[in-house]
Amino acid sequence: MWTRFGVVCLTRIAELPHGDLLVAWLQGSRKRWADDMRIMGARLKYRISEDYDRQ
């Protein structure tokens, strides 16, 4: 997928044992010989919403 940051590919999502979500992806210019490829990541911490109990 092309973005303003170059190409983003090989996205992976994993749920950690305590409920957090971990995402990792490759980002760079897409050229096979490029030296600008980076492994990026983000984490979303698990929390229970107060709205969930009201349903």
N, C-alpha and C. Protein backbone atom coordinates (compact mmCIF):
# COMPACT_ATOMS: atom_id res chain seq x y z
N MET A 1 0.84 -1.16 0.00
CA MET A 1 0.00 0.00 0.00
C MET A 1 0.90 1.24 0.00
N TRP A 2 0.66 2.14 -0.93
CA TRP A 2 1.42 3.38 -1.00
C TRP A 2 0.85 4.39 -0.01
N THR A 3 1.69 5.04 0.73
CA THR A 3 1.29 6.11 1.64
C THR A 3 2.21 7.29 1.40
N ARG A 4 1.98 8.38 2.10
CA ARG A 4 2.89 9.53 1.95
C ARG A 4 4.27 9.23 2.54
N PHE A 5 4.39 8.12 3.26
CA PHE A 5 5.66 7.71 3.84
C PHE A 5 6.35 6.65 3.00
N GLY A 6 5.81 6.34 1.83
CA GLY A 6 6.37 5.28 1.00
C GLY A 6 5.44 4.09 0.99
N VAL A 7 6.00 2.90 1.03
CA VAL A 7 5.22 1.66 0.98
C VAL A 7 5.13 1.07 2.37
N VAL A 8 3.95 0.57 2.70
CA VAL A 8 3.73 -0.16 3.95
C VAL A 8 3.28 -1.56 3.56
N CYS A 9 3.98 -2.58 4.07
CA CYS A 9 3.63 -3.96 3.70
C CYS A 9 3.96 -4.92 4.83
N LEU A 10 3.57 -6.16 4.65
CA LEU A 10 3.80 -7.24 5.61
C LEU A 10 3.26 -6.91 7.00
N THR A 11 2.04 -6.39 7.06
CA THR A 11 1.42 -6.03 8.33
C THR A 11 1.03 -7.27 9.11
N ARG A 12 1.31 -7.26 10.39
CA ARG A 12 0.95 -8.36 11.28
C ARG A 12 0.29 -7.80 12.53
N ILE A 13 -0.77 -8.46 12.99
CA ILE A 13 -1.47 -8.07 14.21
C ILE A 13 -1.48 -9.28 15.15
N ALA A 14 -1.15 -9.04 16.42
CA ALA A 14 -1.16 -10.12 17.41
C ALA A 14 -1.83 -9.64 18.69
N GLU A 15 -2.61 -10.53 19.30
CA GLU A 15 -3.18 -10.22 20.60
C GLU A 15 -2.27 -10.80 21.67
N LEU A 16 -1.84 -9.96 22.59
CA LEU A 16 -0.95 -10.39 23.66
C LEU A 16 -1.76 -11.05 24.77
N PRO A 17 -1.12 -11.85 25.64
CA PRO A 17 -1.85 -12.61 26.65
C PRO A 17 -2.78 -11.78 27.55
N HIS A 18 -2.43 -10.55 27.84
CA HIS A 18 -3.25 -9.72 28.73
C HIS A 18 -4.24 -8.83 27.96
N GLY A 19 -4.41 -9.07 26.64
CA GLY A 19 -5.44 -8.39 25.86
C GLY A 19 -4.96 -7.25 24.99
N ASP A 20 -3.73 -6.77 25.17
CA ASP A 20 -3.21 -5.71 24.32
C ASP A 20 -3.09 -6.20 22.88
N LEU A 21 -3.15 -5.27 21.92
CA LEU A 21 -2.91 -5.60 20.51
C LEU A 21 -1.56 -5.04 20.09
N LEU A 22 -0.78 -5.83 19.38
CA LEU A 22 0.53 -5.43 18.88
C LEU A 22 0.51 -5.53 17.36
N VAL A 23 0.91 -4.45 16.68
CA VAL A 23 0.93 -4.40 15.22
C VAL A 23 2.35 -4.11 14.77
N ALA A 24 2.82 -4.81 13.73
CA ALA A 24 4.14 -4.57 13.15
C ALA A 24 4.02 -4.53 11.64
N TRP A 25 4.85 -3.69 10.98
CA TRP A 25 4.83 -3.60 9.53
C TRP A 25 6.18 -3.10 9.03
N LEU A 26 6.43 -3.31 7.74
CA LEU A 26 7.61 -2.79 7.07
C LEU A 26 7.24 -1.49 6.35
N GLN A 27 8.13 -0.53 6.39
CA GLN A 27 7.87 0.75 5.73
C GLN A 27 9.14 1.18 5.01
N GLY A 28 8.98 1.68 3.78
CA GLY A 28 10.13 2.13 3.01
C GLY A 28 9.75 2.53 1.60
N SER A 29 10.74 2.56 0.72
CA SER A 29 10.53 3.05 -0.64
C SER A 29 10.16 1.96 -1.64
N ARG A 30 10.15 0.73 -1.24
CA ARG A 30 9.75 -0.41 -2.06
C ARG A 30 10.83 -0.93 -3.01
N LYS A 31 11.92 -0.27 -3.13
CA LYS A 31 12.98 -0.76 -4.01
C LYS A 31 13.75 -1.86 -3.31
N ARG A 32 14.01 -2.92 -4.03
CA ARG A 32 14.68 -4.07 -3.40
C ARG A 32 16.07 -3.75 -2.88
N TRP A 33 16.73 -2.81 -3.48
CA TRP A 33 18.09 -2.47 -3.06
C TRP A 33 18.10 -1.26 -2.12
N ALA A 34 16.94 -0.75 -1.76
CA ALA A 34 16.85 0.45 -0.92
C ALA A 34 17.33 0.16 0.49
N ASP A 35 17.94 1.16 1.10
CA ASP A 35 18.42 1.02 2.47
C ASP A 35 17.53 1.79 3.45
N ASP A 36 16.32 2.13 3.02
CA ASP A 36 15.44 2.92 3.89
C ASP A 36 14.29 2.10 4.48
N MET A 37 14.33 0.78 4.37
CA MET A 37 13.27 -0.05 4.94
C MET A 37 13.40 -0.06 6.46
N ARG A 38 12.25 0.07 7.14
CA ARG A 38 12.24 0.08 8.60
C ARG A 38 11.15 -0.87 9.09
N ILE A 39 11.39 -1.48 10.24
CA ILE A 39 10.35 -2.24 10.92
C ILE A 39 9.68 -1.29 11.90
N MET A 40 8.37 -1.09 11.72
CA MET A 40 7.62 -0.17 12.56
C MET A 40 6.66 -0.98 13.43
N GLY A 41 6.15 -0.37 14.49
CA GLY A 41 5.22 -1.08 15.34
C GLY A 41 4.39 -0.13 16.19
N ALA A 42 3.29 -0.66 16.69
CA ALA A 42 2.41 0.09 17.58
C ALA A 42 1.72 -0.88 18.52
N ARG A 43 1.31 -0.37 19.68
CA ARG A 43 0.65 -1.20 20.68
C ARG A 43 -0.59 -0.46 21.19
N LEU A 44 -1.71 -1.18 21.26
CA LEU A 44 -2.95 -0.64 21.81
C LEU A 44 -3.21 -1.38 23.11
N LYS A 45 -3.20 -0.63 24.22
CA LYS A 45 -3.40 -1.26 25.52
C LYS A 45 -4.86 -1.62 25.73
N TYR A 46 -5.08 -2.78 26.32
CA TYR A 46 -6.42 -3.28 26.62
C TYR A 46 -7.01 -2.50 27.78
N ARG A 47 -8.28 -2.12 27.63
CA ARG A 47 -9.01 -1.54 28.75
C ARG A 47 -10.48 -1.83 28.54
N ILE A 48 -11.21 -2.00 29.61
CA ILE A 48 -12.64 -2.27 29.53
C ILE A 48 -13.36 -0.93 29.54
N SER A 49 -14.22 -0.73 28.56
CA SER A 49 -14.98 0.50 28.45
C SER A 49 -16.13 0.50 29.46
N GLU A 50 -16.37 1.66 30.06
CA GLU A 50 -17.51 1.77 30.97
C GLU A 50 -18.82 1.59 30.21
N ASP A 51 -18.86 1.97 28.95
CA ASP A 51 -20.07 1.83 28.14
C ASP A 51 -20.44 0.36 27.91
N TYR A 52 -19.46 -0.52 27.97
CA TYR A 52 -19.72 -1.95 27.75
C TYR A 52 -20.68 -2.49 28.80
N ASP A 53 -20.54 -2.06 30.05
CA ASP A 53 -21.37 -2.55 31.13
C ASP A 53 -22.82 -2.08 31.02
N ARG A 54 -23.08 -1.02 30.28
CA ARG A 54 -24.42 -0.44 30.18
C ARG A 54 -25.28 -1.14 29.14
N GLN A 55 -24.73 -2.04 28.36
CA GLN A 55 -25.51 -2.69 27.30
C GLN A 55 -26.48 -3.70 27.85
